[in-house]
Amino acid sequence: MNKLKAGEEIESIGELAKSLGLTTRTLRYWEEVGIIESAQRLDGATRGYTPYYVRRIKFIMKLKELGLTIKELQELYIAYGEAKHTDRMIPKLVEILDDHINKVDEKMAKLASLRKDIVDYRQRMMTKFNMQKDNG
């Protein structure tokens, strides 16, 4: 999967970072914490990315946009790496996404409660202000 096919090239970290709108530091960090991999370039000096790795990095970016944490991404990477097949990764991804949905639902409930408290407080202040204005 990570082997080059005919016509494919290894993309340098700088080229990839630029094309994806990331920094090379971000890519290096993701590699350090074990959520992406790179291939050794022929010159041996710089790391590079096969089209397979680029697709995985784009997938990681989508998961980050959904709010998954580095820890969750590491768990997913481990599940994927154990079998190198989606039959292990997809159930783990669904589990992680379900947990994430529950966290978002909890935050939304707390925000709705906070909004109600703020609206109630605002109404009390307006009532108090109007009473002062009418008595003044």
Protein backbone atom coordinates (compact mmCIF):
# COMPACT_ATOMS: atom_id res chain seq x y z
CA MET A 1 0.00 0.00 0.00
CA ASN A 2 2.77 2.44 0.83
CA LYS A 3 4.91 1.23 -2.08
CA LEU A 4 5.16 3.47 -5.10
CA LYS A 5 3.19 2.45 -8.16
CA ALA A 6 4.27 3.28 -11.70
CA GLY A 7 4.22 7.03 -12.23
CA GLU A 8 3.87 7.88 -8.53
CA GLU A 9 6.44 10.01 -6.77
CA ILE A 10 7.41 10.69 -3.20
CA GLU A 11 6.39 14.19 -2.20
CA SER A 12 8.77 16.11 0.05
CA ILE A 13 7.60 17.31 3.44
CA GLY A 14 7.89 20.94 2.31
CA GLU A 15 5.86 20.39 -0.85
CA LEU A 16 3.20 18.43 1.01
CA ALA A 17 2.92 20.93 3.84
CA LYS A 18 2.48 23.76 1.36
CA SER A 19 -0.10 21.91 -0.75
CA LEU A 20 -2.17 20.97 2.32
CA GLY A 21 -1.86 24.31 4.12
CA LEU A 22 0.04 22.76 7.02
CA THR A 23 3.46 23.45 8.45
CA THR A 24 6.35 21.01 8.22
CA ARG A 25 6.44 21.21 12.01
CA THR A 26 2.87 19.87 12.18
CA LEU A 27 3.73 16.95 9.92
CA ARG A 28 6.84 16.15 11.93
CA TYR A 29 4.86 16.34 15.18
CA TRP A 30 2.16 14.02 13.83
CA GLU A 31 4.89 11.59 12.83
CA GLU A 32 6.56 11.85 16.28
CA VAL A 33 3.29 11.08 18.11
CA GLY A 34 2.59 8.19 15.77
CA ILE A 35 -0.45 9.23 13.74
CA ILE A 36 1.26 9.41 10.33
CA GLU A 37 4.24 7.83 8.61
CA SER A 38 6.67 8.95 5.96
CA ALA A 39 8.85 7.12 3.48
CA GLN A 40 12.60 7.51 3.22
CA ARG A 41 13.52 9.35 0.04
CA LEU A 42 16.15 7.98 -2.27
CA ASP A 43 18.63 10.69 -1.25
CA GLY A 44 18.18 9.48 2.33
CA ALA A 45 18.23 13.01 3.66
CA THR A 46 14.63 14.16 3.69
CA ARG A 47 11.40 12.45 4.56
CA GLY A 48 8.77 12.15 1.93
CA TYR A 49 5.24 10.95 1.43
CA THR A 50 3.86 8.47 -1.07
CA PRO A 51 0.34 9.06 -2.45
CA TYR A 52 -0.85 6.43 0.06
CA TYR A 53 0.57 8.44 2.98
CA VAL A 54 -0.83 11.67 1.52
CA ARG A 55 -4.33 10.13 1.47
CA ARG A 56 -3.91 9.07 5.09
CA ILE A 57 -2.76 12.57 6.07
CA LYS A 58 -5.81 14.08 4.35
CA PHE A 59 -7.97 11.64 6.32
CA ILE A 60 -6.26 12.71 9.56
CA MET A 61 -6.94 16.35 8.63
CA LYS A 62 -10.66 15.59 8.20
CA LEU A 63 -10.75 13.84 11.57
CA LYS A 64 -8.97 16.81 13.18
CA GLU A 65 -11.62 19.11 11.65
CA LEU A 66 -14.23 16.94 13.37
CA GLY A 67 -12.44 17.67 16.63
CA LEU A 68 -10.72 14.35 17.30
CA THR A 69 -7.82 14.64 19.72
CA ILE A 70 -4.26 13.45 19.14
CA LYS A 71 -4.96 10.62 21.62
CA GLU A 72 -8.03 9.52 19.65
CA LEU A 73 -6.04 9.70 16.41
CA GLN A 74 -3.29 7.57 17.99
CA GLU A 75 -5.85 4.95 19.03
CA LEU A 76 -7.26 4.91 15.52
CA TYR A 77 -3.80 4.61 13.98
CA ILE A 78 -3.03 1.65 16.24
CA ALA A 79 -6.30 -0.05 15.29
CA TYR A 80 -5.54 0.51 11.62
CA GLY A 81 -1.93 -0.60 11.95
CA GLU A 82 -2.83 -3.87 13.67
CA ALA A 83 -4.48 -5.22 10.55
CA LYS A 84 -3.76 -2.69 7.79
CA HIS A 85 -7.40 -3.24 6.86
CA THR A 86 -10.45 -1.09 7.28
CA ASP A 87 -12.32 -3.96 9.01
CA ARG A 88 -10.38 -3.09 12.18
CA MET A 89 -10.25 0.66 11.69
CA ILE A 90 -13.88 1.39 10.84
CA PRO A 91 -15.39 -0.06 14.05
CA LYS A 92 -12.77 1.85 16.09
CA LEU A 93 -13.48 5.05 14.12
CA VAL A 94 -17.23 4.61 14.70
CA GLU A 95 -16.58 4.10 18.42
CA ILE A 96 -14.40 7.23 18.59
CA LEU A 97 -16.94 9.26 16.61
CA ASP A 98 -19.78 8.04 18.86
CA ASP A 99 -17.81 9.18 21.91
CA HIS A 100 -17.14 12.48 20.21
CA ILE A 101 -20.84 12.93 19.33
CA ASN A 102 -21.72 12.33 23.00
CA LYS A 103 -19.17 14.95 24.09
CA VAL A 104 -20.59 17.46 21.59
CA ASP A 105 -24.14 16.71 22.78
CA GLU A 106 -23.04 17.32 26.40
CA LYS A 107 -21.39 20.61 25.43
CA MET A 108 -24.49 21.67 23.50
CA ALA A 109 -26.71 20.90 26.51
CA LYS A 110 -24.40 22.92 28.78
CA LEU A 111 -24.37 25.80 26.30
CA ALA A 112 -28.17 25.72 26.01
CA SER A 113 -28.41 25.84 29.81
CA LEU A 114 -25.88 28.68 29.95
CA ARG A 115 -27.80 30.57 27.26
CA LYS A 116 -31.04 30.18 29.24
CA ASP A 117 -29.33 31.45 32.41
CA ILE A 118 -27.95 34.47 30.53
CA VAL A 119 -31.34 35.26 28.95
CA ASP A 120 -33.05 34.94 32.37
CA TYR A 121 -30.44 37.16 34.03
CA ARG A 122 -30.74 39.72 31.22
CA GLN A 123 -34.52 39.76 31.66
CA ARG A 124 -34.17 40.30 35.42
CA MET A 125 -31.75 43.18 34.80
CA MET A 126 -34.09 44.77 32.26
CA THR A 127 -37.02 44.42 34.69
CA LYS A 128 -34.95 45.99 37.50
CA PHE A 129 -33.75 48.76 35.19
CA ASN A 130 -37.29 49.53 33.99
CA MET A 131 -38.60 49.59 37.58
CA GLN A 132 -35.84 52.04 38.57
CA LYS A 133 -36.56 54.18 35.54
CA ASP A 134 -40.32 54.22 36.29
CA ASN A 135 -39.72 55.06 39.99
CA GLY A 136 -37.09 57.67 39.25
